[in-house]
Amino acid sequence: MVREINTKAEFDALLAESNDKLVVVDFWAQWCAPCRTMAPVFEELANGNPDVIFAKVNVSVNMETAQASDIRSIPAFHFYKNGEKVDSVQGSVPKSELETLVANNK
């Protein structure tokens, strides 16, 4: 399951409540073709990793979180643990690369 994060407060609460669980956030926008291409890949990863929290932030709707997260291009995938960013990758990347990042940061 992928959670939709619509406000900065929701984003902050998600990170605060995650404790030592890995949180993977997909920063995306409806108008972004590579973002739409990556959406099913992100869903597959979420379904295959129930011990990881997956969330999406639409940068067109939730600009405050995107700005606070220093998003410069999308899609961008940020990995958080204990409320801190531990890794990130930008662009349309192979599923295997995202799988490796998830495994390495659990």
PDB file of N, CA and C in Angstrom:
ATOM      1  N   MET A   1       0.836  -1.182   0.000  1.00  0.00           N
ATOM      2  CA  MET A   1       0.000   0.000   0.000  1.00  0.00           C
ATOM      3  C   MET A   1       0.883   1.248   0.000  1.00  0.00           C
ATOM      4  N   VAL A   2       0.476   2.224  -0.785  1.00  0.00           N
ATOM      5  CA  VAL A   2       1.194   3.490  -0.868  1.00  0.00           C
ATOM      6  C   VAL A   2       0.307   4.581  -0.291  1.00  0.00           C
ATOM      7  N   ARG A   3       0.847   5.330   0.664  1.00  0.00           N
ATOM      8  CA  ARG A   3       0.091   6.424   1.287  1.00  0.00           C
ATOM      9  C   ARG A   3       0.296   7.706   0.491  1.00  0.00           C
ATOM     10  N   GLU A   4      -0.786   8.432   0.273  1.00  0.00           N
ATOM     11  CA  GLU A   4      -0.728   9.743  -0.382  1.00  0.00           C
ATOM     12  C   GLU A   4      -0.558  10.795   0.706  1.00  0.00           C
ATOM     13  N   ILE A   5       0.484  11.599   0.602  1.00  0.00           N
ATOM     14  CA  ILE A   5       0.774  12.644   1.584  1.00  0.00           C
ATOM     15  C   ILE A   5       0.416  13.990   0.962  1.00  0.00           C
ATOM     16  N   ASN A   6      -0.578  14.669   1.543  1.00  0.00           N
ATOM     17  CA  ASN A   6      -1.093  15.900   0.944  1.00  0.00           C
ATOM     18  C   ASN A   6      -0.643  17.183   1.623  1.00  0.00           C
ATOM     19  N   THR A   7      -0.048  17.090   2.816  1.00  0.00           N
ATOM     20  CA  THR A   7       0.392  18.293   3.522  1.00  0.00           C
ATOM     21  C   THR A   7       1.750  18.049   4.172  1.00  0.00           C
ATOM     22  N   LYS A   8       2.421  19.120   4.495  1.00  0.00           N
ATOM     23  CA  LYS A   8       3.706  19.028   5.197  1.00  0.00           C
ATOM     24  C   LYS A   8       3.498  18.404   6.574  1.00  0.00           C
ATOM     25  N   ALA A   9       2.386  18.734   7.222  1.00  0.00           N
ATOM     26  CA  ALA A   9       2.090  18.158   8.541  1.00  0.00           C
ATOM     27  C   ALA A   9       1.951  16.637   8.451  1.00  0.00           C
ATOM     28  N   GLU A  10       1.280  16.135   7.408  1.00  0.00           N
ATOM     29  CA  GLU A  10       1.154  14.684   7.208  1.00  0.00           C
ATOM     30  C   GLU A  10       2.530  14.053   6.992  1.00  0.00           C
ATOM     31  N   PHE A  11       3.360  14.722   6.205  1.00  0.00           N
ATOM     32  CA  PHE A  11       4.706  14.231   5.920  1.00  0.00           C
ATOM     33  C   PHE A  11       5.526  14.146   7.208  1.00  0.00           C
ATOM     34  N   ASP A  12       5.507  15.222   7.984  1.00  0.00           N
ATOM     35  CA  ASP A  12       6.254  15.257   9.245  1.00  0.00           C
ATOM     36  C   ASP A  12       5.757  14.183  10.214  1.00  0.00           C
ATOM     37  N   ALA A  13       4.443  13.996  10.276  1.00  0.00           N
ATOM     38  CA  ALA A  13       3.864  12.975  11.157  1.00  0.00           C
ATOM     39  C   ALA A  13       4.283  11.574  10.710  1.00  0.00           C
ATOM     40  N   LEU A  14       4.280  11.341   9.410  1.00  0.00           N
ATOM     41  CA  LEU A  14       4.689  10.036   8.885  1.00  0.00           C
ATOM     42  C   LEU A  14       6.116   9.714   9.313  1.00  0.00           C
ATOM     43  N   LEU A  15       7.016  10.663   9.140  1.00  0.00           N
ATOM     44  CA  LEU A  15       8.409  10.420   9.519  1.00  0.00           C
ATOM     45  C   LEU A  15       8.548  10.229  11.025  1.00  0.00           C
ATOM     46  N   ALA A  16       7.807  11.005  11.807  1.00  0.00           N
ATOM     47  CA  ALA A  16       7.883  10.909  13.271  1.00  0.00           C
ATOM     48  C   ALA A  16       7.347   9.573  13.773  1.00  0.00           C
ATOM     49  N   GLU A  17       6.299   9.064  13.135  1.00  0.00           N
ATOM     50  CA  GLU A  17       5.652   7.827  13.571  1.00  0.00           C
ATOM     51  C   GLU A  17       6.337   6.570  13.046  1.00  0.00           C
ATOM     52  N   SER A  18       7.239   6.713  12.096  1.00  0.00           N
ATOM     53  CA  SER A  18       7.827   5.542  11.445  1.00  0.00           C
ATOM     54  C   SER A  18       8.857   4.820  12.305  1.00  0.00           C
ATOM     55  N   ASN A  19       9.354   5.503  13.346  1.00  0.00           N
ATOM     56  CA  ASN A  19      10.379   4.927  14.221  1.00  0.00           C
ATOM     57  C   ASN A  19      11.564   4.436  13.400  1.00  0.00           C
ATOM     58  N   ASP A  20      11.925   3.163  13.529  1.00  0.00           N
ATOM     59  CA  ASP A  20      13.097   2.676  12.799  1.00  0.00           C
ATOM     60  C   ASP A  20      12.737   1.990  11.480  1.00  0.00           C
ATOM     61  N   LYS A  21      11.480   2.118  11.056  1.00  0.00           N
ATOM     62  CA  LYS A  21      11.073   1.559   9.765  1.00  0.00           C
ATOM     63  C   LYS A  21      11.584   2.445   8.635  1.00  0.00           C
ATOM     64  N   LEU A  22      11.935   1.820   7.528  1.00  0.00           N
ATOM     65  CA  LEU A  22      12.320   2.568   6.338  1.00  0.00           C
ATOM     66  C   LEU A  22      11.078   3.197   5.719  1.00  0.00           C
ATOM     67  N   VAL A  23      11.194   4.461   5.326  1.00  0.00           N
ATOM     68  CA  VAL A  23      10.128   5.175   4.626  1.00  0.00           C
ATOM     69  C   VAL A  23      10.675   5.568   3.258  1.00  0.00           C
ATOM     70  N   VAL A  24       9.979   5.174   2.196  1.00  0.00           N
ATOM     71  CA  VAL A  24      10.371   5.530   0.835  1.00  0.00           C
ATOM     72  C   VAL A  24       9.306   6.462   0.281  1.00  0.00           C
ATOM     73  N   VAL A  25       9.738   7.645  -0.166  1.00  0.00           N
ATOM     74  CA  VAL A  25       8.805   8.654  -0.651  1.00  0.00           C
ATOM     75  C   VAL A  25       9.074   8.931  -2.121  1.00  0.00           C
ATOM     76  N   ASP A  26       8.016   8.847  -2.917  1.00  0.00           N
ATOM     77  CA  ASP A  26       8.047   9.157  -4.345  1.00  0.00           C
ATOM     78  C   ASP A  26       7.507  10.568  -4.526  1.00  0.00           C
ATOM     79  N   PHE A  27       8.362  11.496  -4.944  1.00  0.00           N
ATOM     80  CA  PHE A  27       7.939  12.856  -5.271  1.00  0.00           C
ATOM     81  C   PHE A  27       7.628  12.871  -6.762  1.00  0.00           C
ATOM     82  N   TRP A  28       6.404  13.238  -7.113  1.00  0.00           N
ATOM     83  CA  TRP A  28       5.922  13.099  -8.481  1.00  0.00           C
ATOM     84  C   TRP A  28       4.946  14.230  -8.816  1.00  0.00           C
ATOM     85  N   ALA A  29       4.495  14.253 -10.083  1.00  0.00           N
ATOM     86  CA  ALA A  29       3.443  15.169 -10.529  1.00  0.00           C
ATOM     87  C   ALA A  29       2.669  14.499 -11.657  1.00  0.00           C
ATOM     88  N   GLN A  30       1.408  14.843 -11.770  1.00  0.00           N
ATOM     89  CA  GLN A  30       0.527  14.257 -12.782  1.00  0.00           C
ATOM     90  C   GLN A  30       1.034  14.529 -14.199  1.00  0.00           C
ATOM     91  N   TRP A  31       1.597  15.716 -14.425  1.00  0.00           N
ATOM     92  CA  TRP A  31       2.036  16.120 -15.763  1.00  0.00           C
ATOM     93  C   TRP A  31       3.368  15.492 -16.173  1.00  0.00           C
ATOM     94  N   CYS A  32       4.016  14.780 -15.277  1.00  0.00           N
ATOM     95  CA  CYS A  32       5.356  14.229 -15.496  1.00  0.00           C
ATOM     96  C   CYS A  32       5.263  12.804 -16.059  1.00  0.00           C
ATOM     97  N   ALA A  33       5.616  12.645 -17.340  1.00  0.00           N
ATOM     98  CA  ALA A  33       5.533  11.330 -17.985  1.00  0.00           C
ATOM     99  C   ALA A  33       6.419  10.279 -17.305  1.00  0.00           C
ATOM    100  N   PRO A  34       7.679  10.579 -16.975  1.00  0.00           N
ATOM    101  CA  PRO A  34       8.490   9.574 -16.276  1.00  0.00           C
ATOM    102  C   PRO A  34       7.898   9.180 -14.917  1.00  0.00           C
ATOM    103  N   CYS A  35       7.224  10.128 -14.265  1.00  0.00           N
ATOM    104  CA  CYS A  35       6.576   9.818 -12.980  1.00  0.00           C
ATOM    105  C   CYS A  35       5.471   8.790 -13.182  1.00  0.00           C
ATOM    106  N   ARG A  36       4.698   8.971 -14.239  1.00  0.00           N
ATOM    107  CA  ARG A  36       3.610   8.027 -14.523  1.00  0.00           C
ATOM    108  C   ARG A  36       4.177   6.653 -14.889  1.00  0.00           C
ATOM    109  N   THR A  37       5.324   6.627 -15.556  1.00  0.00           N
ATOM    110  CA  THR A  37       5.977   5.365 -15.901  1.00  0.00           C
ATOM    111  C   THR A  37       6.443   4.631 -14.649  1.00  0.00           C
ATOM    112  N   MET A  38       6.930   5.377 -13.663  1.00  0.00           N
ATOM    113  CA  MET A  38       7.468   4.778 -12.441  1.00  0.00           C
ATOM    114  C   MET A  38       6.386   4.371 -11.443  1.00  0.00           C
ATOM    115  N   ALA A  39       5.180   4.902 -11.579  1.00  0.00           N
ATOM    116  CA  ALA A  39       4.107   4.638 -10.607  1.00  0.00           C
ATOM    117  C   ALA A  39       3.841   3.144 -10.398  1.00  0.00           C
ATOM    118  N   PRO A  40       3.671   2.335 -11.464  1.00  0.00           N
ATOM    119  CA  PRO A  40       3.421   0.907 -11.221  1.00  0.00           C
ATOM    120  C   PRO A  40       4.622   0.188 -10.596  1.00  0.00           C
ATOM    121  N   VAL A  41       5.824   0.636 -10.900  1.00  0.00           N
ATOM    122  CA  VAL A  41       7.032   0.055 -10.306  1.00  0.00           C
ATOM    123  C   VAL A  41       7.035   0.322  -8.805  1.00  0.00           C
ATOM    124  N   PHE A  42       6.692   1.555  -8.419  1.00  0.00           N
ATOM    125  CA  PHE A  42       6.643   1.935  -7.007  1.00  0.00           C
ATOM    126  C   PHE A  42       5.581   1.115  -6.279  1.00  0.00           C
ATOM    127  N   GLU A  43       4.425   0.922  -6.917  1.00  0.00           N
ATOM    128  CA  GLU A  43       3.347   0.100  -6.334  1.00  0.00           C
ATOM    129  C   GLU A  43       3.819  -1.338  -6.123  1.00  0.00           C
ATOM    130  N   GLU A  44       4.517  -1.891  -7.109  1.00  0.00           N
ATOM    131  CA  GLU A  44       5.036  -3.259  -6.991  1.00  0.00           C
ATOM    132  C   GLU A  44       5.999  -3.382  -5.813  1.00  0.00           C
ATOM    133  N   LEU A  45       6.882  -2.388  -5.674  1.00  0.00           N
ATOM    134  CA  LEU A  45       7.825  -2.399  -4.552  1.00  0.00           C
ATOM    135  C   LEU A  45       7.084  -2.350  -3.222  1.00  0.00           C
ATOM    136  N   ALA A  46       6.060  -1.517  -3.152  1.00  0.00           N
ATOM    137  CA  ALA A  46       5.270  -1.400  -1.921  1.00  0.00           C
ATOM    138  C   ALA A  46       4.605  -2.730  -1.592  1.00  0.00           C
ATOM    139  N   ASN A  47       4.030  -3.365  -2.594  1.00  0.00           N
ATOM    140  CA  ASN A  47       3.353  -4.645  -2.375  1.00  0.00           C
ATOM    141  C   ASN A  47       4.331  -5.747  -1.962  1.00  0.00           C
ATOM    142  N   GLY A  48       5.568  -5.666  -2.429  1.00  0.00           N
ATOM    143  CA  GLY A  48       6.559  -6.688  -2.125  1.00  0.00           C
ATOM    144  C   GLY A  48       7.357  -6.449  -0.856  1.00  0.00           C
ATOM    145  N   ASN A  49       7.141  -5.301  -0.217  1.00  0.00           N
ATOM    146  CA  ASN A  49       7.900  -4.953   0.991  1.00  0.00           C
ATOM    147  C   ASN A  49       6.968  -4.432   2.077  1.00  0.00           C
ATOM    148  N   PRO A  50       6.165  -5.312   2.677  1.00  0.00           N
ATOM    149  CA  PRO A  50       5.197  -4.858   3.680  1.00  0.00           C
ATOM    150  C   PRO A  50       5.835  -4.291   4.947  1.00  0.00           C
ATOM    151  N   ASP A  51       7.122  -4.538   5.146  1.00  0.00           N
ATOM    152  CA  ASP A  51       7.827  -4.019   6.321  1.00  0.00           C
ATOM    153  C   ASP A  51       8.395  -2.616   6.097  1.00  0.00           C
ATOM    154  N   VAL A  52       8.138  -2.043   4.920  1.00  0.00           N
ATOM    155  CA  VAL A  52       8.609  -0.705   4.559  1.00  0.00           C
ATOM    156  C   VAL A  52       7.389   0.176   4.321  1.00  0.00           C
ATOM    157  N   ILE A  53       7.485   1.444   4.704  1.00  0.00           N
ATOM    158  CA  ILE A  53       6.398   2.399   4.474  1.00  0.00           C
ATOM    159  C   ILE A  53       6.666   3.120   3.156  1.00  0.00           C
ATOM    160  N   PHE A  54       5.701   3.067   2.249  1.00  0.00           N
ATOM    161  CA  PHE A  54       5.810   3.747   0.964  1.00  0.00           C
ATOM    162  C   PHE A  54       4.794   4.876   0.911  1.00  0.00           C
ATOM    163  N   ALA A  55       5.236   6.040   0.432  1.00  0.00           N
ATOM    164  CA  ALA A  55       4.358   7.206   0.354  1.00  0.00           C
ATOM    165  C   ALA A  55       4.653   7.983  -0.918  1.00  0.00           C
ATOM    166  N   LYS A  56       3.637   8.741  -1.360  1.00  0.00           N
ATOM    167  CA  LYS A  56       3.780   9.582  -2.545  1.00  0.00           C
ATOM    168  C   LYS A  56       3.449  11.017  -2.176  1.00  0.00           C
ATOM    169  N   VAL A  57       4.215  11.950  -2.741  1.00  0.00           N
ATOM    170  CA  VAL A  57       3.959  13.372  -2.566  1.00  0.00           C
ATOM    171  C   VAL A  57       3.822  13.985  -3.951  1.00  0.00           C
ATOM    172  N   ASN A  58       2.619  14.467  -4.267  1.00  0.00           N
ATOM    173  CA  ASN A  58       2.385  15.170  -5.524  1.00  0.00           C
ATOM    174  C   ASN A  58       2.920  16.587  -5.349  1.00  0.00           C
ATOM    175  N   VAL A  59       4.000  16.910  -6.044  1.00  0.00           N
ATOM    176  CA  VAL A  59       4.663  18.202  -5.845  1.00  0.00           C
ATOM    177  C   VAL A  59       3.812  19.374  -6.312  1.00  0.00           C
ATOM    178  N   SER A  60       2.835  19.124  -7.173  1.00  0.00           N
ATOM    179  CA  SER A  60       1.931  20.189  -7.617  1.00  0.00           C
ATOM    180  C   SER A  60       0.909  20.534  -6.542  1.00  0.00           C
ATOM    181  N   VAL A  61       0.587  19.579  -5.697  1.00  0.00           N
ATOM    182  CA  VAL A  61      -0.392  19.760  -4.626  1.00  0.00           C
ATOM    183  C   VAL A  61       0.300  20.125  -3.315  1.00  0.00           C
ATOM    184  N   ASN A  62       1.394  19.458  -3.027  1.00  0.00           N
ATOM    185  CA  ASN A  62       2.092  19.609  -1.752  1.00  0.00           C
ATOM    186  C   ASN A  62       3.455  20.272  -1.985  1.00  0.00           C
ATOM    187  N   MET A  63       3.412  21.516  -2.437  1.00  0.00           N
ATOM    188  CA  MET A  63       4.635  22.249  -2.769  1.00  0.00           C
ATOM    189  C   MET A  63       5.512  22.504  -1.546  1.00  0.00           C
ATOM    190  N   GLU A  64       4.885  22.680  -0.385  1.00  0.00           N
ATOM    191  CA  GLU A  64       5.643  22.968   0.837  1.00  0.00           C
ATOM    192  C   GLU A  64       6.589  21.814   1.180  1.00  0.00           C
ATOM    193  N   THR A  65       6.092  20.590   1.091  1.00  0.00           N
ATOM    194  CA  THR A  65       6.933  19.428   1.383  1.00  0.00           C
ATOM    195  C   THR A  65       8.017  19.266   0.328  1.00  0.00           C
ATOM    196  N   ALA A  66       7.656  19.473  -0.934  1.00  0.00           N
ATOM    197  CA  ALA A  66       8.639  19.368  -2.013  1.00  0.00           C
ATOM    198  C   ALA A  66       9.765  20.380  -1.816  1.00  0.00           C
ATOM    199  N   GLN A  67       9.406  21.599  -1.462  1.00  0.00           N
ATOM    200  CA  GLN A  67      10.412  22.638  -1.241  1.00  0.00           C
ATOM    201  C   GLN A  67      11.281  22.302  -0.026  1.00  0.00           C
ATOM    202  N   ALA A  68      10.662  21.870   1.060  1.00  0.00           N
ATOM    203  CA  ALA A  68      11.407  21.523   2.274  1.00  0.00           C
ATOM    204  C   ALA A  68      12.329  20.327   2.038  1.00  0.00           C
ATOM    205  N   SER A  69      11.954  19.463   1.094  1.00  0.00           N
ATOM    206  CA  SER A  69      12.753  18.272   0.782  1.00  0.00           C
ATOM    207  C   SER A  69      13.769  18.534  -0.320  1.00  0.00           C
ATOM    208  N   ASP A  70      13.844  19.790  -0.768  1.00  0.00           N
ATOM    209  CA  ASP A  70      14.810  20.222  -1.783  1.00  0.00           C
ATOM    210  C   ASP A  70      14.666  19.437  -3.088  1.00  0.00           C
ATOM    211  N   ILE A  71      13.420  19.262  -3.530  1.00  0.00           N
ATOM    212  CA  ILE A  71      13.156  18.556  -4.779  1.00  0.00           C
ATOM    213  C   ILE A  71      13.453  19.495  -5.943  1.00  0.00           C
ATOM    214  N   ARG A  72      14.390  19.086  -6.804  1.00  0.00           N
ATOM    215  CA  ARG A  72      14.790  19.889  -7.965  1.00  0.00           C
ATOM    216  C   ARG A  72      14.295  19.291  -9.277  1.00  0.00           C
ATOM    217  N   SER A  73      14.118  17.973  -9.299  1.00  0.00           N
ATOM    218  CA  SER A  73      13.586  17.307 -10.489  1.00  0.00           C
ATOM    219  C   SER A  73      12.799  16.080 -10.038  1.00  0.00           C
ATOM    220  N   ILE A  74      11.888  15.654 -10.889  1.00  0.00           N
ATOM    221  CA  ILE A  74      11.045  14.503 -10.567  1.00  0.00           C
ATOM    222  C   ILE A  74      11.048  13.528 -11.735  1.00  0.00           C
ATOM    223  N   PRO A  75      10.770  12.272 -11.471  1.00  0.00           N
ATOM    224  CA  PRO A  75      10.505  11.695 -10.165  1.00  0.00           C
ATOM    225  C   PRO A  75      11.761  11.681  -9.294  1.00  0.00           C
ATOM    226  N   ALA A  76      11.539  11.795  -8.008  1.00  0.00           N
ATOM    227  CA  ALA A  76      12.617  11.701  -7.022  1.00  0.00           C
ATOM    228  C   ALA A  76      12.155  10.750  -5.928  1.00  0.00           C
ATOM    229  N   PHE A  77      13.030   9.867  -5.542  1.00  0.00           N
ATOM    230  CA  PHE A  77      12.724   8.886  -4.507  1.00  0.00           C
ATOM    231  C   PHE A  77      13.661   9.130  -3.332  1.00  0.00           C
ATOM    232  N   HIS A  78      13.082   9.458  -2.182  1.00  0.00           N
ATOM    233  CA  HIS A  78      13.873   9.699  -0.973  1.00  0.00           C
ATOM    234  C   HIS A  78      13.620   8.582   0.027  1.00  0.00           C
ATOM    235  N   PHE A  79      14.672   8.185   0.709  1.00  0.00           N
ATOM    236  CA  PHE A  79      14.639   7.095   1.680  1.00  0.00           C
ATOM    237  C   PHE A  79      14.951   7.679   3.053  1.00  0.00           C
ATOM    238  N   TYR A  80      14.057   7.442   4.018  1.00  0.00           N
ATOM    239  CA  TYR A  80      14.192   7.995   5.367  1.00  0.00           C
ATOM    240  C   TYR A  80      14.217   6.874   6.396  1.00  0.00           C
ATOM    241  N   LYS A  81      15.031   7.071   7.416  1.00  0.00           N
ATOM    242  CA  LYS A  81      15.062   6.142   8.545  1.00  0.00           C
ATOM    243  C   LYS A  81      15.248   6.977   9.807  1.00  0.00           C
ATOM    244  N   ASN A  82      14.426   6.703  10.810  1.00  0.00           N
ATOM    245  CA  ASN A  82      14.467   7.475  12.057  1.00  0.00           C
ATOM    246  C   ASN A  82      14.316   8.970  11.798  1.00  0.00           C
ATOM    247  N   GLY A  83      13.494   9.316  10.806  1.00  0.00           N
ATOM    248  CA  GLY A  83      13.202  10.713  10.513  1.00  0.00           C
ATOM    249  C   GLY A  83      14.245  11.443   9.695  1.00  0.00           C
ATOM    250  N   GLU A  84      15.330  10.773   9.334  1.00  0.00           N
ATOM    251  CA  GLU A  84      16.416  11.405   8.586  1.00  0.00           C
ATOM    252  C   GLU A  84      16.535  10.790   7.196  1.00  0.00           C
ATOM    253  N   LYS A  85      16.846  11.624   6.205  1.00  0.00           N
ATOM    254  CA  LYS A  85      17.063  11.109   4.855  1.00  0.00           C
ATOM    255  C   LYS A  85      18.381  10.347   4.826  1.00  0.00           C
ATOM    256  N   VAL A  86      18.320   9.097   4.348  1.00  0.00           N
ATOM    257  CA  VAL A  86      19.508   8.249   4.306  1.00  0.00           C
ATOM    258  C   VAL A  86      19.973   7.954   2.885  1.00  0.00           C
ATOM    259  N   ASP A  87      19.102   8.205   1.903  1.00  0.00           N
ATOM    260  CA  ASP A  87      19.462   7.929   0.516  1.00  0.00           C
ATOM    261  C   ASP A  87      18.460   8.604  -0.400  1.00  0.00           C
ATOM    262  N   SER A  88      18.812   8.709  -1.675  1.00  0.00           N
ATOM    263  CA  SER A  88      17.876   9.252  -2.663  1.00  0.00           C
ATOM    264  C   SER A  88      18.350   8.890  -4.060  1.00  0.00           C
ATOM    265  N   VAL A  89      17.414   8.941  -4.983  1.00  0.00           N
ATOM    266  CA  VAL A  89      17.716   8.741  -6.395  1.00  0.00           C
ATOM    267  C   VAL A  89      16.683   9.539  -7.181  1.00  0.00           C
ATOM    268  N   GLN A  90      17.105  10.074  -8.323  1.00  0.00           N
ATOM    269  CA  GLN A  90      16.199  10.862  -9.153  1.00  0.00           C
ATOM    270  C   GLN A  90      16.077  10.237 -10.527  1.00  0.00           C
ATOM    271  N   GLY A  91      14.935  10.474 -11.142  1.00  0.00           N
ATOM    272  CA  GLY A  91      14.719  10.048 -12.512  1.00  0.00           C
ATOM    273  C   GLY A  91      14.037   8.704 -12.616  1.00  0.00           C
ATOM    274  N   SER A  92      13.825   8.317 -13.852  1.00  0.00           N
ATOM    275  CA  SER A  92      13.206   7.035 -14.157  1.00  0.00           C
ATOM    276  C   SER A  92      14.308   5.976 -14.105  1.00  0.00           C
ATOM    277  N   VAL A  93      14.364   5.257 -13.006  1.00  0.00           N
ATOM    278  CA  VAL A  93      15.444   4.293 -12.779  1.00  0.00           C
ATOM    279  C   VAL A  93      14.895   2.868 -12.864  1.00  0.00           C
ATOM    280  N   PRO A  94      15.757   1.895 -13.141  1.00  0.00           N
ATOM    281  CA  PRO A  94      15.288   0.508 -13.191  1.00  0.00           C
ATOM    282  C   PRO A  94      14.742   0.053 -11.838  1.00  0.00           C
ATOM    283  N   LYS A  95      13.767  -0.838 -11.899  1.00  0.00           N
ATOM    284  CA  LYS A  95      13.185  -1.391 -10.675  1.00  0.00           C
ATOM    285  C   LYS A  95      14.268  -2.012  -9.803  1.00  0.00           C
ATOM    286  N   SER A  96      15.232  -2.663 -10.437  1.00  0.00           N
ATOM    287  CA  SER A  96      16.303  -3.324  -9.680  1.00  0.00           C
ATOM    288  C   SER A  96      17.098  -2.326  -8.839  1.00  0.00           C
ATOM    289  N   GLU A  97      17.272  -1.104  -9.338  1.00  0.00           N
ATOM    290  CA  GLU A  97      18.000  -0.090  -8.568  1.00  0.00           C
ATOM    291  C   GLU A  97      17.208   0.316  -7.327  1.00  0.00           C
ATOM    292  N   LEU A  98      15.906   0.494  -7.491  1.00  0.00           N
ATOM    293  CA  LEU A  98      15.070   0.827  -6.333  1.00  0.00           C
ATOM    294  C   LEU A  98      15.034  -0.331  -5.342  1.00  0.00           C
ATOM    295  N   GLU A  99      14.959  -1.557  -5.852  1.00  0.00           N
ATOM    296  CA  GLU A  99      14.969  -2.737  -4.972  1.00  0.00           C
ATOM    297  C   GLU A  99      16.252  -2.792  -4.147  1.00  0.00           C
ATOM    298  N   THR A 100      17.371  -2.495  -4.775  1.00  0.00           N
ATOM    299  CA  THR A 100      18.659  -2.493  -4.077  1.00  0.00           C
ATOM    300  C   THR A 100      18.691  -1.419  -3.003  1.00  0.00           C
ATOM    301  N   LEU A 101      18.197  -0.222  -3.328  1.00  0.00           N
ATOM    302  CA  LEU A 101      18.174   0.866  -2.349  1.00  0.00           C
ATOM    303  C   LEU A 101      17.283   0.518  -1.159  1.00  0.00           C
ATOM    304  N   VAL A 102      16.146  -0.106  -1.432  1.00  0.00           N
ATOM    305  CA  VAL A 102      15.260  -0.525  -0.341  1.00  0.00           C
ATOM    306  C   VAL A 102      15.979  -1.550   0.535  1.00  0.00           C
ATOM    307  N   ALA A 103      16.558  -2.565  -0.081  1.00  0.00           N
ATOM    308  CA  ALA A 103      17.239  -3.627   0.673  1.00  0.00           C
ATOM    309  C   ALA A 103      18.414  -3.084   1.484  1.00  0.00           C
ATOM    310  N   ASN A 104      19.173  -2.172   0.911  1.00  0.00           N
ATOM    311  CA  ASN A 104      20.360  -1.637   1.586  1.00  0.00           C
ATOM    312  C   ASN A 104      20.023  -0.701   2.737  1.00  0.00           C
ATOM    313  N   ASN A 105      18.819  -0.138   2.733  1.00  0.00           N
ATOM    314  CA  ASN A 105      18.460   0.855   3.748  1.00  0.00           C
ATOM    315  C   ASN A 105      17.474   0.350   4.792  1.00  0.00           C
ATOM    316  N   LYS A 106      17.040  -0.908   4.689  1.00  0.00           N
ATOM    317  CA  LYS A 106      16.085  -1.461   5.671  1.00  0.00           C
ATOM    318  C   LYS A 106      16.676  -1.467   7.058  1.00  0.00           C
TER     319      LYS A 106
END
